[in-house]
PDB file of N, CA and C in Angstrom:
ATOM      1  N   UNK A   1       9.619  -8.002  43.274  1.00  0.00           N
ATOM      2  CA  UNK A   1       9.286  -8.466  41.999  1.00  0.00           C
ATOM      3  C   UNK A   1       8.401  -7.406  41.170  1.00  0.00           C
ATOM      4  N   UNK A   2       8.836  -7.261  39.964  1.00  0.00           N
ATOM      5  CA  UNK A   2       8.402  -6.245  39.029  1.00  0.00           C
ATOM      6  C   UNK A   2       7.166  -6.989  38.240  1.00  0.00           C
ATOM      7  N   UNK A   3       6.140  -6.324  38.242  1.00  0.00           N
ATOM      8  CA  UNK A   3       5.058  -6.923  37.204  1.00  0.00           C
ATOM      9  C   UNK A   3       4.681  -5.845  36.283  1.00  0.00           C
ATOM     10  N   UNK A   4       4.340  -6.393  35.132  1.00  0.00           N
ATOM     11  CA  UNK A   4       3.857  -5.462  34.189  1.00  0.00           C
ATOM     12  C   UNK A   4       2.776  -6.123  33.317  1.00  0.00           C
ATOM     13  N   UNK A   5       1.870  -5.441  32.783  1.00  0.00           N
ATOM     14  CA  UNK A   5       0.741  -5.956  32.115  1.00  0.00           C
ATOM     15  C   UNK A   5       1.165  -6.595  30.763  1.00  0.00           C
ATOM     16  N   UNK A   6       0.647  -7.509  30.332  1.00  0.00           N
ATOM     17  CA  UNK A   6       0.737  -8.149  29.011  1.00  0.00           C
ATOM     18  C   UNK A   6      -0.234  -7.564  28.030  1.00  0.00           C
ATOM     19  N   UNK A   7       0.457  -7.049  27.016  1.00  0.00           N
ATOM     20  CA  UNK A   7      -0.395  -6.519  25.962  1.00  0.00           C
ATOM     21  C   UNK A   7      -0.626  -7.407  24.802  1.00  0.00           C
ATOM     22  N   UNK A   8      -1.815  -7.461  24.319  1.00  0.00           N
ATOM     23  CA  UNK A   8      -1.928  -8.471  22.978  1.00  0.00           C
ATOM     24  C   UNK A   8      -1.115  -7.801  21.668  1.00  0.00           C
ATOM     25  N   UNK A   9      -0.545  -8.795  20.813  1.00  0.00           N
ATOM     26  CA  UNK A   9       0.010  -8.368  19.699  1.00  0.00           C
ATOM     27  C   UNK A   9      -1.097  -7.684  18.648  1.00  0.00           C
ATOM     28  N   UNK A  10      -2.274  -8.350  18.609  1.00  0.00           N
ATOM     29  CA  UNK A  10      -3.306  -7.959  17.781  1.00  0.00           C
ATOM     30  C   UNK A  10      -4.479  -7.604  18.573  1.00  0.00           C
ATOM     31  N   UNK A  11      -5.143  -6.626  18.275  1.00  0.00           N
ATOM     32  CA  UNK A  11      -6.418  -6.174  18.952  1.00  0.00           C
ATOM     33  C   UNK A  11      -7.414  -7.194  18.837  1.00  0.00           C
ATOM     34  N   UNK A  12      -8.142  -7.504  19.946  1.00  0.00           N
ATOM     35  CA  UNK A  12      -9.279  -8.465  19.989  1.00  0.00           C
ATOM     36  C   UNK A  12     -10.563  -7.725  19.399  1.00  0.00           C
ATOM     37  N   UNK A  13     -11.334  -8.267  18.705  1.00  0.00           N
ATOM     38  CA  UNK A  13     -12.350  -7.522  18.182  1.00  0.00           C
ATOM     39  C   UNK A  13     -13.506  -7.381  19.277  1.00  0.00           C
ATOM     40  N   UNK A  14     -13.996  -6.152  19.369  1.00  0.00           N
ATOM     41  CA  UNK A  14     -14.977  -5.978  20.432  1.00  0.00           C
ATOM     42  C   UNK A  14     -14.348  -5.475  21.686  1.00  0.00           C
ATOM     43  N   UNK A  15     -13.144  -5.568  21.899  1.00  0.00           N
ATOM     44  CA  UNK A  15     -12.718  -5.241  23.167  1.00  0.00           C
ATOM     45  C   UNK A  15     -12.043  -3.777  23.311  1.00  0.00           C
ATOM     46  N   UNK A  16     -12.227  -3.003  22.170  1.00  0.00           N
ATOM     47  CA  UNK A  16     -11.791  -1.588  22.079  1.00  0.00           C
ATOM     48  C   UNK A  16     -12.866  -0.778  22.201  1.00  0.00           C
ATOM     49  N   UNK A  17     -12.641   0.602  22.553  1.00  0.00           N
ATOM     50  CA  UNK A  17     -13.819   1.454  22.511  1.00  0.00           C
ATOM     51  C   UNK A  17     -13.858   1.931  21.138  1.00  0.00           C
ATOM     52  N   UNK A  18     -15.070   2.500  20.884  1.00  0.00           N
ATOM     53  CA  UNK A  18     -15.501   2.643  19.512  1.00  0.00           C
ATOM     54  C   UNK A  18     -14.618   3.738  18.765  1.00  0.00           C
ATOM     55  N   UNK A  19     -14.003   4.823  19.684  1.00  0.00           N
ATOM     56  CA  UNK A  19     -13.152   5.730  18.941  1.00  0.00           C
ATOM     57  C   UNK A  19     -11.720   5.228  18.793  1.00  0.00           C
ATOM     58  N   UNK A  20     -11.298   4.156  19.359  1.00  0.00           N
ATOM     59  CA  UNK A  20     -10.046   3.353  19.062  1.00  0.00           C
ATOM     60  C   UNK A  20     -10.297   2.506  17.703  1.00  0.00           C
ATOM     61  N   UNK A  21     -11.469   2.025  17.700  1.00  0.00           N
ATOM     62  CA  UNK A  21     -11.692   1.232  16.380  1.00  0.00           C
ATOM     63  C   UNK A  21     -11.525   2.101  15.105  1.00  0.00           C
ATOM     64  N   UNK A  22     -12.239   3.288  15.226  1.00  0.00           N
ATOM     65  CA  UNK A  22     -12.287   4.259  14.060  1.00  0.00           C
ATOM     66  C   UNK A  22     -10.735   4.814  13.747  1.00  0.00           C
ATOM     67  N   UNK A  23     -10.112   4.896  14.937  1.00  0.00           N
ATOM     68  CA  UNK A  23      -8.554   5.355  14.672  1.00  0.00           C
ATOM     69  C   UNK A  23      -7.812   4.282  13.890  1.00  0.00           C
ATOM     70  N   UNK A  24      -8.037   2.974  14.270  1.00  0.00           N
ATOM     71  CA  UNK A  24      -7.293   1.994  13.649  1.00  0.00           C
ATOM     72  C   UNK A  24      -7.428   1.975  12.040  1.00  0.00           C
ATOM     73  N   UNK A  25      -8.748   1.938  11.669  1.00  0.00           N
ATOM     74  CA  UNK A  25      -8.913   2.203  10.230  1.00  0.00           C
ATOM     75  C   UNK A  25      -8.424   1.049   9.516  1.00  0.00           C
ATOM     76  N   UNK A  26      -7.499   1.475   8.438  1.00  0.00           N
ATOM     77  CA  UNK A  26      -6.995   0.345   7.562  1.00  0.00           C
ATOM     78  C   UNK A  26      -5.469   0.263   7.818  1.00  0.00           C
ATOM     79  N   UNK A  27      -5.084   0.883   8.972  1.00  0.00           N
ATOM     80  CA  UNK A  27      -3.571   1.234   8.996  1.00  0.00           C
ATOM     81  C   UNK A  27      -2.785  -0.228   9.474  1.00  0.00           C
ATOM     82  N   UNK A  28      -3.546  -1.093  10.060  1.00  0.00           N
ATOM     83  CA  UNK A  28      -3.116  -2.413  10.489  1.00  0.00           C
ATOM     84  C   UNK A  28      -3.440  -3.432   9.383  1.00  0.00           C
ATOM     85  N   UNK A  29      -2.218  -4.378   9.335  1.00  0.00           N
ATOM     86  CA  UNK A  29      -2.547  -5.576   8.464  1.00  0.00           C
ATOM     87  C   UNK A  29      -2.391  -5.351   7.173  1.00  0.00           C
ATOM     88  N   UNK A  30      -2.939  -6.336   6.375  1.00  0.00           N
ATOM     89  CA  UNK A  30      -2.800  -6.367   5.010  1.00  0.00           C
ATOM     90  C   UNK A  30      -3.403  -5.264   4.042  1.00  0.00           C
ATOM     91  N   UNK A  31      -4.572  -5.012   4.669  1.00  0.00           N
ATOM     92  CA  UNK A  31      -5.555  -3.905   3.905  1.00  0.00           C
ATOM     93  C   UNK A  31      -4.808  -2.757   3.990  1.00  0.00           C
ATOM     94  N   UNK A  32      -4.060  -2.396   5.150  1.00  0.00           N
ATOM     95  CA  UNK A  32      -3.557  -1.029   5.118  1.00  0.00           C
ATOM     96  C   UNK A  32      -2.175  -0.877   4.009  1.00  0.00           C
ATOM     97  N   UNK A  33      -1.503  -2.040   4.126  1.00  0.00           N
ATOM     98  CA  UNK A  33      -0.339  -2.267   3.090  1.00  0.00           C
ATOM     99  C   UNK A  33      -0.813  -2.111   1.624  1.00  0.00           C
ATOM    100  N   UNK A  34      -1.956  -2.785   1.397  1.00  0.00           N
ATOM    101  CA  UNK A  34      -2.401  -2.862   0.079  1.00  0.00           C
ATOM    102  C   UNK A  34      -3.015  -1.533  -0.385  1.00  0.00           C
ATOM    103  N   UNK A  35      -3.684  -0.958   0.601  1.00  0.00           N
ATOM    104  CA  UNK A  35      -4.353   0.583   0.397  1.00  0.00           C
ATOM    105  C   UNK A  35      -3.137   1.316  -0.017  1.00  0.00           C
ATOM    106  N   UNK A  36      -2.006   1.402   0.685  1.00  0.00           N
ATOM    107  CA  UNK A  36      -0.910   2.310   0.546  1.00  0.00           C
ATOM    108  C   UNK A  36      -0.226   1.948  -0.833  1.00  0.00           C
ATOM    109  N   UNK A  37      -0.175   0.753  -1.146  1.00  0.00           N
ATOM    110  CA  UNK A  37       0.337   0.534  -2.454  1.00  0.00           C
ATOM    111  C   UNK A  37      -0.501   0.938  -3.659  1.00  0.00           C
ATOM    112  N   UNK A  38      -1.870   0.925  -3.493  1.00  0.00           N
ATOM    113  CA  UNK A  38      -2.875   1.428  -4.550  1.00  0.00           C
ATOM    114  C   UNK A  38      -2.651   3.031  -4.441  1.00  0.00           C
ATOM    115  N   UNK A  39      -2.562   3.556  -3.281  1.00  0.00           N
ATOM    116  CA  UNK A  39      -2.369   4.983  -3.352  1.00  0.00           C
ATOM    117  C   UNK A  39      -1.129   5.564  -3.999  1.00  0.00           C
ATOM    118  N   UNK A  40      -0.146   4.710  -3.659  1.00  0.00           N
ATOM    119  CA  UNK A  40       1.132   5.147  -4.272  1.00  0.00           C
ATOM    120  C   UNK A  40       1.095   5.106  -5.868  1.00  0.00           C
ATOM    121  N   UNK A  41       0.521   4.030  -6.302  1.00  0.00           N
ATOM    122  CA  UNK A  41       0.296   3.929  -7.736  1.00  0.00           C
ATOM    123  C   UNK A  41      -0.500   5.032  -8.305  1.00  0.00           C
ATOM    124  N   UNK A  42      -1.567   5.464  -7.616  1.00  0.00           N
ATOM    125  CA  UNK A  42      -2.291   6.675  -8.067  1.00  0.00           C
ATOM    126  C   UNK A  42      -1.523   7.987  -8.176  1.00  0.00           C
ATOM    127  N   UNK A  43      -0.648   8.152  -7.078  1.00  0.00           N
ATOM    128  CA  UNK A  43       0.072   9.238  -6.945  1.00  0.00           C
ATOM    129  C   UNK A  43       1.253   9.408  -8.055  1.00  0.00           C
ATOM    130  N   UNK A  44       1.927   8.221  -8.358  1.00  0.00           N
ATOM    131  CA  UNK A  44       2.905   8.117  -9.284  1.00  0.00           C
ATOM    132  C   UNK A  44       2.476   8.313 -10.666  1.00  0.00           C
ATOM    133  N   UNK A  45       1.248   7.769 -10.979  1.00  0.00           N
ATOM    134  CA  UNK A  45       0.548   7.943 -12.236  1.00  0.00           C
ATOM    135  C   UNK A  45       0.114   9.313 -12.491  1.00  0.00           C
ATOM    136  N   UNK A  46      -0.343  10.083 -11.485  1.00  0.00           N
ATOM    137  CA  UNK A  46      -0.533  11.408 -11.762  1.00  0.00           C
ATOM    138  C   UNK A  46       0.492  12.232 -11.848  1.00  0.00           C
ATOM    139  N   UNK A  47       1.648  12.080 -11.099  1.00  0.00           N
ATOM    140  CA  UNK A  47       2.888  12.805 -11.318  1.00  0.00           C
ATOM    141  C   UNK A  47       3.438  12.352 -12.835  1.00  0.00           C
ATOM    142  N   UNK A  48       3.396  11.259 -13.257  1.00  0.00           N
ATOM    143  CA  UNK A  48       3.885  10.879 -14.595  1.00  0.00           C
ATOM    144  C   UNK A  48       3.041  11.567 -15.649  1.00  0.00           C
ATOM    145  N   UNK A  49       1.791  11.609 -15.460  1.00  0.00           N
ATOM    146  CA  UNK A  49       0.963  12.250 -16.444  1.00  0.00           C
ATOM    147  C   UNK A  49       1.234  13.733 -16.643  1.00  0.00           C
ATOM    148  N   UNK A  50       1.388  14.279 -15.495  1.00  0.00           N
ATOM    149  CA  UNK A  50       1.731  15.811 -15.327  1.00  0.00           C
ATOM    150  C   UNK A  50       2.981  15.950 -16.013  1.00  0.00           C
ATOM    151  N   UNK A  51       4.032  15.177 -15.773  1.00  0.00           N
ATOM    152  CA  UNK A  51       5.270  15.388 -16.440  1.00  0.00           C
ATOM    153  C   UNK A  51       5.165  15.236 -18.089  1.00  0.00           C
ATOM    154  N   UNK A  52       4.495  14.195 -18.379  1.00  0.00           N
ATOM    155  CA  UNK A  52       4.212  14.119 -20.013  1.00  0.00           C
ATOM    156  C   UNK A  52       3.532  15.139 -20.452  1.00  0.00           C
ATOM    157  N   UNK A  53       2.341  15.815 -19.661  1.00  0.00           N
ATOM    158  CA  UNK A  53       1.854  17.133 -20.257  1.00  0.00           C
ATOM    159  C   UNK A  53       2.822  18.108 -20.567  1.00  0.00           C
ATOM    160  N   UNK A  54       3.756  18.309 -19.365  1.00  0.00           N
ATOM    161  CA  UNK A  54       4.516  19.292 -19.456  1.00  0.00           C
ATOM    162  C   UNK A  54       5.662  19.113 -20.585  1.00  0.00           C
ATOM    163  N   UNK A  55       6.084  18.015 -20.772  1.00  0.00           N
ATOM    164  CA  UNK A  55       7.041  17.605 -21.785  1.00  0.00           C
ATOM    165  C   UNK A  55       6.344  17.906 -23.125  1.00  0.00           C
ATOM    166  N   UNK A  56       5.062  17.571 -23.383  1.00  0.00           N
ATOM    167  CA  UNK A  56       4.529  17.748 -24.663  1.00  0.00           C
ATOM    168  C   UNK A  56       4.124  19.268 -24.989  1.00  0.00           C
ATOM    169  N   UNK A  57       4.113  19.980 -23.962  1.00  0.00           N
ATOM    170  CA  UNK A  57       3.685  21.436 -24.182  1.00  0.00           C
ATOM    171  C   UNK A  57       5.030  22.342 -24.135  1.00  0.00           C
ATOM    172  N   UNK A  58       6.084  21.586 -23.840  1.00  0.00           N
ATOM    173  CA  UNK A  58       7.336  22.210 -23.995  1.00  0.00           C
ATOM    174  C   UNK A  58       7.786  23.069 -22.730  1.00  0.00           C
ATOM    175  N   UNK A  59       7.031  22.787 -21.516  1.00  0.00           N
ATOM    176  CA  UNK A  59       7.222  23.433 -20.325  1.00  0.00           C
ATOM    177  C   UNK A  59       8.130  22.674 -19.355  1.00  0.00           C
ATOM    178  N   UNK A  60       8.805  21.600 -19.676  1.00  0.00           N
ATOM    179  CA  UNK A  60       9.568  20.732 -18.861  1.00  0.00           C
ATOM    180  C   UNK A  60      10.958  21.045 -19.127  1.00  0.00           C
ATOM    181  N   UNK A  61      11.644  21.549 -18.082  1.00  0.00           N
ATOM    182  CA  UNK A  61      13.008  22.102 -18.324  1.00  0.00           C
ATOM    183  C   UNK A  61      13.917  20.882 -18.346  1.00  0.00           C
ATOM    184  N   UNK A  62      13.692  19.727 -17.513  1.00  0.00           N
ATOM    185  CA  UNK A  62      14.477  18.699 -17.336  1.00  0.00           C
ATOM    186  C   UNK A  62      13.847  17.289 -17.708  1.00  0.00           C
ATOM    187  N   UNK A  63      14.158  17.024 -18.978  1.00  0.00           N
ATOM    188  CA  UNK A  63      13.601  15.785 -19.521  1.00  0.00           C
ATOM    189  C   UNK A  63      13.815  14.485 -18.632  1.00  0.00           C
ATOM    190  N   UNK A  64      14.896  14.485 -17.828  1.00  0.00           N
ATOM    191  CA  UNK A  64      15.303  13.385 -17.199  1.00  0.00           C
ATOM    192  C   UNK A  64      14.156  13.232 -16.018  1.00  0.00           C
ATOM    193  N   UNK A  65      13.414  14.225 -15.617  1.00  0.00           N
ATOM    194  CA  UNK A  65      12.433  14.137 -14.638  1.00  0.00           C
ATOM    195  C   UNK A  65      11.338  13.304 -14.941  1.00  0.00           C
ATOM    196  N   UNK A  66      10.981  13.271 -16.354  1.00  0.00           N
ATOM    197  CA  UNK A  66       9.824  12.317 -17.137  1.00  0.00           C
ATOM    198  C   UNK A  66      10.341  10.891 -16.878  1.00  0.00           C
ATOM    199  N   UNK A  67      11.706  10.818 -17.252  1.00  0.00           N
ATOM    200  CA  UNK A  67      12.095   9.411 -17.103  1.00  0.00           C
ATOM    201  C   UNK A  67      11.961   8.914 -15.695  1.00  0.00           C
ATOM    202  N   UNK A  68      12.428   9.671 -14.764  1.00  0.00           N
ATOM    203  CA  UNK A  68      12.322   9.189 -13.430  1.00  0.00           C
ATOM    204  C   UNK A  68      11.033   9.029 -12.916  1.00  0.00           C
ATOM    205  N   UNK A  69       9.949   9.733 -13.293  1.00  0.00           N
ATOM    206  CA  UNK A  69       8.575   9.593 -12.836  1.00  0.00           C
ATOM    207  C   UNK A  69       8.004   8.344 -13.492  1.00  0.00           C
ATOM    208  N   UNK A  70       8.299   8.123 -14.638  1.00  0.00           N
ATOM    209  CA  UNK A  70       8.072   6.765 -15.396  1.00  0.00           C
ATOM    210  C   UNK A  70       8.506   5.631 -14.643  1.00  0.00           C
ATOM    211  N   UNK A  71       9.814   5.692 -14.282  1.00  0.00           N
ATOM    212  CA  UNK A  71      10.338   4.483 -13.483  1.00  0.00           C
ATOM    213  C   UNK A  71       9.739   4.348 -12.172  1.00  0.00           C
ATOM    214  N   UNK A  72       9.406   5.480 -11.508  1.00  0.00           N
ATOM    215  CA  UNK A  72       8.659   5.256 -10.226  1.00  0.00           C
ATOM    216  C   UNK A  72       7.423   4.779 -10.368  1.00  0.00           C
ATOM    217  N   UNK A  73       6.821   5.101 -11.531  1.00  0.00           N
ATOM    218  CA  UNK A  73       5.423   4.539 -11.772  1.00  0.00           C
ATOM    219  C   UNK A  73       5.523   3.003 -12.097  1.00  0.00           C
ATOM    220  N   UNK A  74       6.456   2.712 -12.857  1.00  0.00           N
ATOM    221  CA  UNK A  74       6.481   1.416 -13.244  1.00  0.00           C
ATOM    222  C   UNK A  74       6.802   0.493 -11.887  1.00  0.00           C
ATOM    223  N   UNK A  75       7.710   1.038 -11.210  1.00  0.00           N
ATOM    224  CA  UNK A  75       8.077   0.190  -9.929  1.00  0.00           C
ATOM    225  C   UNK A  75       6.709   0.158  -8.864  1.00  0.00           C
ATOM    226  N   UNK A  76       6.012   1.169  -8.798  1.00  0.00           N
ATOM    227  CA  UNK A  76       4.843   1.054  -7.997  1.00  0.00           C
ATOM    228  C   UNK A  76       3.893   0.244  -8.387  1.00  0.00           C
ATOM    229  N   UNK A  77       3.606   0.054  -9.594  1.00  0.00           N
ATOM    230  CA  UNK A  77       2.795  -0.809 -10.378  1.00  0.00           C
ATOM    231  C   UNK A  77       3.187  -2.334 -10.027  1.00  0.00           C
ATOM    232  N   UNK A  78       4.507  -2.527 -10.486  1.00  0.00           N
ATOM    233  CA  UNK A  78       5.196  -3.833 -10.120  1.00  0.00           C
ATOM    234  C   UNK A  78       5.035  -4.389  -8.638  1.00  0.00           C
ATOM    235  N   UNK A  79       5.015  -3.366  -7.739  1.00  0.00           N
ATOM    236  CA  UNK A  79       5.012  -3.631  -6.220  1.00  0.00           C
ATOM    237  C   UNK A  79       3.530  -4.020  -6.031  1.00  0.00           C
ATOM    238  N   UNK A  80       2.613  -3.312  -6.659  1.00  0.00           N
ATOM    239  CA  UNK A  80       1.148  -3.649  -6.334  1.00  0.00           C
ATOM    240  C   UNK A  80       0.944  -4.979  -7.006  1.00  0.00           C
ATOM    241  N   UNK A  81       1.249  -5.406  -8.198  1.00  0.00           N
ATOM    242  CA  UNK A  81       1.044  -6.553  -8.722  1.00  0.00           C
ATOM    243  C   UNK A  81       1.644  -7.725  -7.966  1.00  0.00           C
ATOM    244  N   UNK A  82       2.851  -7.517  -7.416  1.00  0.00           N
ATOM    245  CA  UNK A  82       3.483  -8.690  -6.534  1.00  0.00           C
ATOM    246  C   UNK A  82       2.717  -8.852  -5.240  1.00  0.00           C
ATOM    247  N   UNK A  83       2.254  -7.735  -4.692  1.00  0.00           N
ATOM    248  CA  UNK A  83       1.527  -7.835  -3.539  1.00  0.00           C
ATOM    249  C   UNK A  83       0.161  -8.687  -3.877  1.00  0.00           C
ATOM    250  N   UNK A  84      -0.437  -8.383  -4.869  1.00  0.00           N
ATOM    251  CA  UNK A  84      -1.574  -9.072  -5.272  1.00  0.00           C
ATOM    252  C   UNK A  84      -1.342 -10.540  -5.423  1.00  0.00           C
ATOM    253  N   UNK A  85      -0.232 -10.931  -6.196  1.00  0.00           N
ATOM    254  CA  UNK A  85       0.175 -12.224  -6.387  1.00  0.00           C
ATOM    255  C   UNK A  85       0.271 -13.009  -5.261  1.00  0.00           C
ATOM    256  N   UNK A  86       1.121 -12.324  -4.201  1.00  0.00           N
ATOM    257  CA  UNK A  86       1.565 -13.088  -2.931  1.00  0.00           C
ATOM    258  C   UNK A  86       0.076 -13.302  -2.285  1.00  0.00           C
ATOM    259  N   UNK A  87      -0.959 -12.168  -2.184  1.00  0.00           N
ATOM    260  CA  UNK A  87      -2.114 -12.566  -1.540  1.00  0.00           C
ATOM    261  C   UNK A  87      -2.807 -13.585  -2.136  1.00  0.00           C
ATOM    262  N   UNK A  88      -2.967 -13.794  -3.395  1.00  0.00           N
ATOM    263  CA  UNK A  88      -3.546 -14.910  -4.235  1.00  0.00           C
ATOM    264  C   UNK A  88      -2.901 -16.148  -3.781  1.00  0.00           C
ATOM    265  N   UNK A  89      -1.715 -16.272  -3.788  1.00  0.00           N
ATOM    266  CA  UNK A  89      -0.970 -17.491  -3.387  1.00  0.00           C
ATOM    267  C   UNK A  89      -1.301 -17.995  -1.926  1.00  0.00           C
ATOM    268  N   UNK A  90      -1.332 -17.069  -1.104  1.00  0.00           N
ATOM    269  CA  UNK A  90      -1.646 -17.141   0.324  1.00  0.00           C
ATOM    270  C   UNK A  90      -3.025 -17.673   0.385  1.00  0.00           C
ATOM    271  N   UNK A  91      -3.987 -17.119  -0.285  1.00  0.00           N
ATOM    272  CA  UNK A  91      -5.361 -17.582  -0.238  1.00  0.00           C
ATOM    273  C   UNK A  91      -5.504 -18.986  -0.750  1.00  0.00           C
ATOM    274  N   UNK A  92      -4.898 -19.162  -1.829  1.00  0.00           N
ATOM    275  CA  UNK A  92      -4.949 -20.499  -2.416  1.00  0.00           C
ATOM    276  C   UNK A  92      -4.422 -21.547  -1.460  1.00  0.00           C
ATOM    277  N   UNK A  93      -3.175 -21.321  -0.882  1.00  0.00           N
ATOM    278  CA  UNK A  93      -2.707 -22.248   0.042  1.00  0.00           C
ATOM    279  C   UNK A  93      -3.779 -22.405   1.204  1.00  0.00           C
ATOM    280  N   UNK A  94      -4.195 -21.368   1.774  1.00  0.00           N
ATOM    281  CA  UNK A  94      -5.289 -21.686   2.752  1.00  0.00           C
ATOM    282  C   UNK A  94      -6.380 -22.465   2.389  1.00  0.00           C
ATOM    283  N   UNK A  95      -6.864 -22.278   1.042  1.00  0.00           N
ATOM    284  CA  UNK A  95      -7.864 -23.214   0.577  1.00  0.00           C
ATOM    285  C   UNK A  95      -7.606 -24.612   0.461  1.00  0.00           C
ATOM    286  N   UNK A  96      -6.247 -24.950   0.287  1.00  0.00           N
ATOM    287  CA  UNK A  96      -5.917 -26.314   0.107  1.00  0.00           C
ATOM    288  C   UNK A  96      -5.738 -27.122   1.359  1.00  0.00           C
ATOM    289  N   UNK A  97      -5.598 -26.444   2.505  1.00  0.00           N
ATOM    290  CA  UNK A  97      -5.596 -26.821   3.775  1.00  0.00           C
ATOM    291  C   UNK A  97      -6.895 -27.595   4.160  1.00  0.00           C
ATOM    292  N   UNK A  98      -6.817 -28.987   4.486  1.00  0.00           N
ATOM    293  CA  UNK A  98      -7.957 -29.725   4.880  1.00  0.00           C
ATOM    294  C   UNK A  98      -8.209 -29.790   6.343  1.00  0.00           C
ATOM    295  N   UNK A  99      -9.287 -29.644   6.907  1.00  0.00           N
ATOM    296  CA  UNK A  99      -9.436 -29.773   8.243  1.00  0.00           C
ATOM    297  C   UNK A  99     -10.102 -30.957   8.675  1.00  0.00           C
TER     298      UNK A  99
END
């Protein structure tokens, strides 16, 4: 008979070593996803702003790059807004549950 240990799907609070807790950080769960979306919005905004500057100063060789950067920025903002809306819907749904 082969036996293997059962590993939990989610870490139990206080059961991990301190170095493992700091290694997890925000990578797991909704916080990590939301932080990633916020970082993506910041990056795409910086790229779009840089492309706009280059276009205004005449240094941009490919004007389609500005259009692409603007589209990426809009998509990342829309994704962030949708994540926020879904989180608020889930929170409101949890608040309506009566125990």
